Amino acid sequence: MFGFGPATRIYVAAGATDMRKNFNGLYGLVRDHLNCDPESGHVFLFTNARRNRLKLLVYDGSGLWVCAKKLDRGCFRWPDADSTVKKIVLSHEELALLLGGIDLKKTEPRRWHRATRAAEPEELRNTA
């Protein structure tokens, strides 16, 4: 697994993505659909309609990484979003839970102080 620093944001594309997309296709989705810079170093997650496949796109300073996972059984519990939301921001902990097969809706974060980044609207942080 990659080690992401605390300044790295994790964006989940709401809705389904065609998993036949490669580097260029996912790059275009990040740039045109999510309105983000694919070479920012942030992490972008995509899944198919059945939620049994996942692709992760990240730029490491020298090139793009595309990592894929196909589940043998079951599905990823993708965060819900209404039809107007194109991307959801996850915390590093939420990414680990999602990749580990944990349903984020059934988790309950404990109340404690955590500074949020000013460029990250609170409505994007809503995952459950």
N, C-alpha and C. Protein backbone atom coordinates (compact mmCIF):
# COMPACT_ATOMS: atom_id res chain seq x y z
N MET A 1 0.84 -1.19 0.00
CA MET A 1 0.00 0.00 0.00
C MET A 1 0.88 1.24 0.00
N PHE A 2 0.39 2.27 -0.60
CA PHE A 2 1.08 3.55 -0.64
C PHE A 2 1.01 4.23 0.73
N GLY A 3 1.99 5.05 1.00
CA GLY A 3 1.93 5.89 2.17
C GLY A 3 1.59 7.30 1.75
N PHE A 4 0.43 7.79 2.14
CA PHE A 4 -0.01 9.12 1.77
C PHE A 4 0.19 10.06 2.94
N GLY A 5 0.70 11.24 2.67
CA GLY A 5 0.90 12.24 3.70
C GLY A 5 -0.41 12.88 4.11
N PRO A 6 -0.38 13.62 5.21
CA PRO A 6 -1.62 14.22 5.72
C PRO A 6 -2.21 15.29 4.79
N ALA A 7 -1.41 15.86 3.91
CA ALA A 7 -1.93 16.87 2.97
C ALA A 7 -2.58 16.24 1.75
N THR A 8 -2.44 14.94 1.58
CA THR A 8 -3.04 14.26 0.43
C THR A 8 -4.52 14.06 0.66
N ARG A 9 -5.31 14.55 -0.27
CA ARG A 9 -6.76 14.38 -0.19
C ARG A 9 -7.15 13.11 -0.95
N ILE A 10 -8.23 12.51 -0.52
CA ILE A 10 -8.72 11.30 -1.15
C ILE A 10 -10.12 11.60 -1.67
N TYR A 11 -10.27 11.55 -2.99
CA TYR A 11 -11.53 11.85 -3.65
C TYR A 11 -12.15 10.57 -4.18
N VAL A 12 -13.41 10.37 -3.90
CA VAL A 12 -14.18 9.24 -4.41
C VAL A 12 -15.13 9.78 -5.47
N ALA A 13 -15.07 9.21 -6.66
CA ALA A 13 -16.00 9.60 -7.71
C ALA A 13 -17.36 9.00 -7.40
N ALA A 14 -18.36 9.86 -7.27
CA ALA A 14 -19.72 9.39 -7.00
C ALA A 14 -20.26 8.73 -8.27
N GLY A 15 -21.01 7.68 -8.10
CA GLY A 15 -21.58 6.98 -9.25
C GLY A 15 -20.64 5.94 -9.81
N ALA A 16 -21.06 5.34 -10.90
CA ALA A 16 -20.31 4.24 -11.51
C ALA A 16 -19.39 4.77 -12.61
N THR A 17 -18.27 4.08 -12.78
CA THR A 17 -17.28 4.40 -13.81
C THR A 17 -17.04 3.16 -14.66
N ASP A 18 -16.85 3.36 -15.94
CA ASP A 18 -16.51 2.27 -16.85
C ASP A 18 -15.10 1.78 -16.51
N MET A 19 -14.98 0.57 -16.01
CA MET A 19 -13.69 0.05 -15.56
C MET A 19 -12.76 -0.32 -16.71
N ARG A 20 -13.21 -0.15 -17.95
CA ARG A 20 -12.31 -0.35 -19.09
C ARG A 20 -11.39 0.85 -19.29
N LYS A 21 -11.68 1.94 -18.60
CA LYS A 21 -10.85 3.14 -18.73
C LYS A 21 -9.45 2.87 -18.18
N ASN A 22 -8.47 3.40 -18.89
CA ASN A 22 -7.06 3.23 -18.50
C ASN A 22 -6.53 4.55 -17.96
N PHE A 23 -5.20 4.72 -18.00
CA PHE A 23 -4.57 5.95 -17.51
C PHE A 23 -5.22 7.20 -18.10
N ASN A 24 -5.29 7.25 -19.42
CA ASN A 24 -5.80 8.45 -20.10
C ASN A 24 -7.28 8.69 -19.82
N GLY A 25 -8.07 7.63 -19.80
CA GLY A 25 -9.50 7.77 -19.54
C GLY A 25 -9.78 8.26 -18.13
N LEU A 26 -9.08 7.70 -17.14
CA LEU A 26 -9.27 8.14 -15.76
C LEU A 26 -8.72 9.55 -15.55
N TYR A 27 -7.60 9.85 -16.21
CA TYR A 27 -7.03 11.20 -16.16
C TYR A 27 -8.07 12.22 -16.64
N GLY A 28 -8.73 11.90 -17.76
CA GLY A 28 -9.76 12.78 -18.30
C GLY A 28 -10.95 12.93 -17.37
N LEU A 29 -11.36 11.84 -16.73
CA LEU A 29 -12.47 11.92 -15.77
C LEU A 29 -12.14 12.84 -14.60
N VAL A 30 -10.93 12.70 -14.07
CA VAL A 30 -10.51 13.55 -12.95
C VAL A 30 -10.52 15.01 -13.38
N ARG A 31 -9.96 15.29 -14.53
CA ARG A 31 -9.84 16.67 -15.01
C ARG A 31 -11.19 17.26 -15.39
N ASP A 32 -11.99 16.53 -16.17
CA ASP A 32 -13.20 17.09 -16.75
C ASP A 32 -14.46 16.88 -15.90
N HIS A 33 -14.58 15.73 -15.26
CA HIS A 33 -15.80 15.42 -14.50
C HIS A 33 -15.68 15.84 -13.03
N LEU A 34 -14.54 15.56 -12.42
CA LEU A 34 -14.35 15.90 -11.01
C LEU A 34 -13.78 17.31 -10.82
N ASN A 35 -13.35 17.94 -11.92
CA ASN A 35 -12.77 19.28 -11.89
C ASN A 35 -11.57 19.39 -10.94
N CYS A 36 -10.70 18.40 -11.01
CA CYS A 36 -9.49 18.37 -10.19
C CYS A 36 -8.27 18.23 -11.10
N ASP A 37 -7.12 18.48 -10.55
CA ASP A 37 -5.87 18.31 -11.28
C ASP A 37 -5.36 16.90 -11.04
N PRO A 38 -5.32 16.05 -12.07
CA PRO A 38 -4.87 14.67 -11.89
C PRO A 38 -3.41 14.57 -11.44
N GLU A 39 -2.62 15.61 -11.66
CA GLU A 39 -1.21 15.59 -11.28
C GLU A 39 -0.96 16.32 -9.96
N SER A 40 -2.01 16.44 -9.14
CA SER A 40 -1.91 17.14 -7.86
C SER A 40 -1.27 16.28 -6.77
N GLY A 41 -1.22 14.98 -6.98
CA GLY A 41 -0.73 14.08 -5.95
C GLY A 41 -1.84 13.55 -5.06
N HIS A 42 -3.07 14.02 -5.26
CA HIS A 42 -4.19 13.52 -4.50
C HIS A 42 -4.64 12.17 -5.07
N VAL A 43 -5.40 11.43 -4.31
CA VAL A 43 -5.85 10.09 -4.67
C VAL A 43 -7.28 10.16 -5.19
N PHE A 44 -7.55 9.44 -6.28
CA PHE A 44 -8.88 9.42 -6.89
C PHE A 44 -9.34 7.97 -6.99
N LEU A 45 -10.52 7.67 -6.47
CA LEU A 45 -11.08 6.32 -6.47
C LEU A 45 -12.29 6.24 -7.38
N PHE A 46 -12.40 5.12 -8.09
CA PHE A 46 -13.51 4.88 -9.01
C PHE A 46 -14.00 3.45 -8.80
N THR A 47 -15.28 3.21 -9.04
CA THR A 47 -15.82 1.86 -8.98
C THR A 47 -16.83 1.66 -10.11
N ASN A 48 -17.14 0.39 -10.38
CA ASN A 48 -18.12 0.08 -11.42
C ASN A 48 -19.52 0.05 -10.82
N ALA A 49 -20.54 -0.21 -11.64
CA ALA A 49 -21.92 -0.19 -11.18
C ALA A 49 -22.21 -1.31 -10.19
N ARG A 50 -21.57 -2.46 -10.34
CA ARG A 50 -21.79 -3.59 -9.42
C ARG A 50 -20.99 -3.44 -8.13
N ARG A 51 -20.09 -2.47 -8.08
CA ARG A 51 -19.27 -2.18 -6.90
C ARG A 51 -18.34 -3.33 -6.50
N ASN A 52 -17.98 -4.17 -7.48
CA ASN A 52 -17.06 -5.25 -7.17
C ASN A 52 -15.66 -5.01 -7.74
N ARG A 53 -15.48 -3.86 -8.38
CA ARG A 53 -14.17 -3.48 -8.91
C ARG A 53 -13.88 -2.05 -8.51
N LEU A 54 -12.60 -1.79 -8.28
CA LEU A 54 -12.18 -0.48 -7.84
C LEU A 54 -10.88 -0.12 -8.55
N LYS A 55 -10.75 1.14 -8.93
CA LYS A 55 -9.49 1.65 -9.48
C LYS A 55 -9.10 2.89 -8.72
N LEU A 56 -7.81 3.01 -8.47
CA LEU A 56 -7.23 4.13 -7.75
C LEU A 56 -6.23 4.81 -8.69
N LEU A 57 -6.32 6.11 -8.82
CA LEU A 57 -5.41 6.88 -9.67
C LEU A 57 -4.67 7.88 -8.79
N VAL A 58 -3.35 7.91 -8.90
CA VAL A 58 -2.55 8.87 -8.14
C VAL A 58 -1.30 9.21 -8.94
N TYR A 59 -0.88 10.46 -8.85
CA TYR A 59 0.35 10.92 -9.49
C TYR A 59 1.42 11.05 -8.42
N ASP A 60 2.60 10.44 -8.65
CA ASP A 60 3.65 10.43 -7.61
C ASP A 60 4.80 11.39 -7.90
N GLY A 61 4.64 12.28 -8.86
CA GLY A 61 5.69 13.23 -9.18
C GLY A 61 6.48 12.83 -10.42
N SER A 62 6.46 11.54 -10.75
CA SER A 62 7.18 11.09 -11.94
C SER A 62 6.26 10.40 -12.94
N GLY A 63 5.03 10.12 -12.55
CA GLY A 63 4.08 9.47 -13.44
C GLY A 63 2.83 9.06 -12.69
N LEU A 64 1.88 8.56 -13.47
CA LEU A 64 0.60 8.14 -12.90
C LEU A 64 0.64 6.68 -12.47
N TRP A 65 0.01 6.40 -11.35
CA TRP A 65 -0.23 5.04 -10.89
C TRP A 65 -1.71 4.75 -11.07
N VAL A 66 -2.02 3.58 -11.61
CA VAL A 66 -3.39 3.08 -11.61
C VAL A 66 -3.34 1.71 -10.94
N CYS A 67 -4.05 1.60 -9.83
CA CYS A 67 -4.13 0.34 -9.11
C CYS A 67 -5.57 -0.14 -9.20
N ALA A 68 -5.73 -1.44 -9.37
CA ALA A 68 -7.07 -2.01 -9.52
C ALA A 68 -7.26 -3.17 -8.57
N LYS A 69 -8.51 -3.36 -8.15
CA LYS A 69 -8.86 -4.51 -7.32
C LYS A 69 -10.21 -5.04 -7.78
N LYS A 70 -10.28 -6.37 -7.94
CA LYS A 70 -11.53 -7.04 -8.28
C LYS A 70 -11.84 -8.02 -7.16
N LEU A 71 -13.01 -7.85 -6.56
CA LEU A 71 -13.41 -8.73 -5.48
C LEU A 71 -13.91 -10.07 -6.03
N ASP A 72 -13.54 -11.16 -5.39
CA ASP A 72 -14.03 -12.47 -5.79
C ASP A 72 -15.51 -12.61 -5.46
N ARG A 73 -15.90 -12.09 -4.30
CA ARG A 73 -17.30 -12.10 -3.85
C ARG A 73 -17.59 -10.80 -3.13
N GLY A 74 -18.86 -10.44 -3.11
CA GLY A 74 -19.25 -9.24 -2.38
C GLY A 74 -19.03 -7.97 -3.16
N CYS A 75 -19.14 -6.85 -2.47
CA CYS A 75 -18.98 -5.56 -3.13
C CYS A 75 -18.44 -4.53 -2.14
N PHE A 76 -17.88 -3.48 -2.69
CA PHE A 76 -17.43 -2.35 -1.88
C PHE A 76 -18.65 -1.56 -1.44
N ARG A 77 -18.65 -1.07 -0.23
CA ARG A 77 -19.73 -0.23 0.28
C ARG A 77 -19.37 1.22 -0.01
N TRP A 78 -19.71 1.66 -1.21
CA TRP A 78 -19.37 3.01 -1.68
C TRP A 78 -20.18 4.04 -0.93
N PRO A 79 -19.58 5.17 -0.58
CA PRO A 79 -20.35 6.23 0.10
C PRO A 79 -21.50 6.73 -0.77
N ASP A 80 -22.63 6.97 -0.14
CA ASP A 80 -23.80 7.49 -0.86
C ASP A 80 -23.65 8.99 -1.09
N ALA A 81 -24.18 9.44 -2.20
CA ALA A 81 -24.20 10.87 -2.52
C ALA A 81 -25.42 11.13 -3.39
N ASP A 82 -25.98 12.34 -3.29
CA ASP A 82 -27.10 12.65 -4.17
C ASP A 82 -26.58 12.90 -5.58
N SER A 83 -27.49 13.02 -6.51
CA SER A 83 -27.12 13.09 -7.93
C SER A 83 -26.35 14.36 -8.30
N THR A 84 -26.39 15.39 -7.47
CA THR A 84 -25.67 16.62 -7.80
C THR A 84 -24.20 16.57 -7.39
N VAL A 85 -23.84 15.64 -6.51
CA VAL A 85 -22.46 15.53 -6.03
C VAL A 85 -21.65 14.67 -6.99
N LYS A 86 -20.49 15.18 -7.40
CA LYS A 86 -19.62 14.44 -8.32
C LYS A 86 -18.49 13.74 -7.60
N LYS A 87 -18.08 14.27 -6.44
CA LYS A 87 -16.97 13.66 -5.70
C LYS A 87 -17.21 13.81 -4.22
N ILE A 88 -16.66 12.85 -3.48
CA ILE A 88 -16.76 12.83 -2.03
C ILE A 88 -15.34 12.77 -1.49
N VAL A 89 -15.08 13.50 -0.44
CA VAL A 89 -13.75 13.49 0.18
C VAL A 89 -13.76 12.50 1.34
N LEU A 90 -12.77 11.60 1.35
CA LEU A 90 -12.61 10.65 2.44
C LEU A 90 -11.39 11.00 3.26
N SER A 91 -11.42 10.63 4.53
CA SER A 91 -10.22 10.73 5.35
C SER A 91 -9.35 9.52 5.06
N HIS A 92 -8.13 9.56 5.52
CA HIS A 92 -7.22 8.43 5.34
C HIS A 92 -7.77 7.19 6.05
N GLU A 93 -8.37 7.39 7.20
CA GLU A 93 -8.94 6.29 7.96
C GLU A 93 -10.14 5.68 7.22
N GLU A 94 -10.96 6.53 6.62
CA GLU A 94 -12.11 6.04 5.87
C GLU A 94 -11.67 5.25 4.64
N LEU A 95 -10.58 5.67 3.99
CA LEU A 95 -10.06 4.91 2.86
C LEU A 95 -9.64 3.52 3.30
N ALA A 96 -8.93 3.43 4.42
CA ALA A 96 -8.50 2.12 4.92
C ALA A 96 -9.71 1.23 5.23
N LEU A 97 -10.75 1.80 5.82
CA LEU A 97 -11.95 1.04 6.12
C LEU A 97 -12.64 0.57 4.83
N LEU A 98 -12.77 1.46 3.87
CA LEU A 98 -13.41 1.13 2.60
C LEU A 98 -12.67 0.00 1.89
N LEU A 99 -11.36 0.11 1.80
CA LEU A 99 -10.56 -0.93 1.14
C LEU A 99 -10.56 -2.23 1.94
N GLY A 100 -10.78 -2.14 3.24
CA GLY A 100 -10.83 -3.32 4.09
C GLY A 100 -12.20 -3.98 4.15
N GLY A 101 -13.16 -3.46 3.40
CA GLY A 101 -14.48 -4.07 3.33
C GLY A 101 -15.45 -3.61 4.39
N ILE A 102 -15.14 -2.52 5.07
CA ILE A 102 -16.02 -2.01 6.12
C ILE A 102 -17.04 -1.04 5.51
N ASP A 103 -18.30 -1.19 5.92
CA ASP A 103 -19.36 -0.30 5.46
C ASP A 103 -19.28 1.00 6.26
N LEU A 104 -18.97 2.09 5.58
CA LEU A 104 -18.80 3.38 6.26
C LEU A 104 -20.09 3.88 6.90
N LYS A 105 -21.24 3.45 6.39
CA LYS A 105 -22.52 3.86 6.97
C LYS A 105 -22.72 3.26 8.35
N LYS A 106 -22.12 2.10 8.58
CA LYS A 106 -22.32 1.41 9.85
C LYS A 106 -21.24 1.74 10.88
N THR A 107 -20.34 2.62 10.52
CA THR A 107 -19.32 3.04 11.47
C THR A 107 -19.77 4.33 12.13
N GLU A 108 -19.28 4.57 13.30
CA GLU A 108 -19.62 5.78 14.02
C GLU A 108 -18.34 6.41 14.55
N PRO A 109 -17.91 7.49 13.93
CA PRO A 109 -16.68 8.13 14.41
C PRO A 109 -16.89 8.76 15.79
N ARG A 110 -15.88 8.64 16.60
CA ARG A 110 -15.95 9.27 17.92
C ARG A 110 -15.73 10.77 17.76
N ARG A 111 -16.38 11.52 18.62
CA ARG A 111 -16.24 12.98 18.59
C ARG A 111 -14.88 13.36 19.16
N TRP A 112 -14.09 14.05 18.37
CA TRP A 112 -12.83 14.60 18.85
C TRP A 112 -12.42 15.71 17.90
N HIS A 113 -11.50 16.51 18.31
CA HIS A 113 -11.10 17.66 17.51
C HIS A 113 -10.20 17.22 16.37
N ARG A 114 -10.53 17.67 15.18
CA ARG A 114 -9.70 17.46 14.01
C ARG A 114 -9.83 18.70 13.15
N ALA A 115 -8.72 19.34 12.89
CA ALA A 115 -8.73 20.54 12.05
C ALA A 115 -9.04 20.13 10.62
N THR A 116 -9.98 20.83 10.00
CA THR A 116 -10.30 20.58 8.60
C THR A 116 -9.61 21.62 7.74
N ARG A 117 -9.32 21.23 6.53
CA ARG A 117 -8.65 22.15 5.60
C ARG A 117 -9.66 23.16 5.07
N ALA A 118 -9.22 24.40 4.94
CA ALA A 118 -10.11 25.49 4.52
C ALA A 118 -10.65 25.26 3.11
N ALA A 119 -9.87 24.65 2.21
CA ALA A 119 -10.29 24.45 0.83
C ALA A 119 -11.22 23.25 0.67
N GLU A 120 -11.63 22.64 1.76
CA GLU A 120 -12.44 21.44 1.72
C GLU A 120 -13.80 21.72 2.36
N PRO A 121 -14.83 22.03 1.55
CA PRO A 121 -16.15 22.33 2.11
C PRO A 121 -16.67 21.16 2.93
N GLU A 122 -17.35 21.48 4.01
CA GLU A 122 -17.85 20.46 4.94
C GLU A 122 -18.80 19.48 4.27
N GLU A 123 -19.60 19.95 3.30
CA GLU A 123 -20.56 19.04 2.65
C GLU A 123 -19.86 17.94 1.88
N LEU A 124 -18.62 18.13 1.44
CA LEU A 124 -17.88 17.07 0.76
C LEU A 124 -17.42 15.99 1.72
N ARG A 125 -17.31 16.31 3.00
CA ARG A 125 -16.83 15.36 4.00
C ARG A 125 -17.92 14.38 4.42
N ASN A 126 -19.18 14.66 4.07
CA ASN A 126 -20.27 13.83 4.50
C ASN A 126 -20.25 12.51 3.74
N THR A 127 -20.01 11.41 4.44
CA THR A 127 -19.91 10.11 3.79
C THR A 127 -20.99 9.14 4.24
N ALA A 128 -21.69 9.44 5.28
CA ALA A 128 -22.70 8.50 5.76
C ALA A 128 -24.03 9.17 5.97
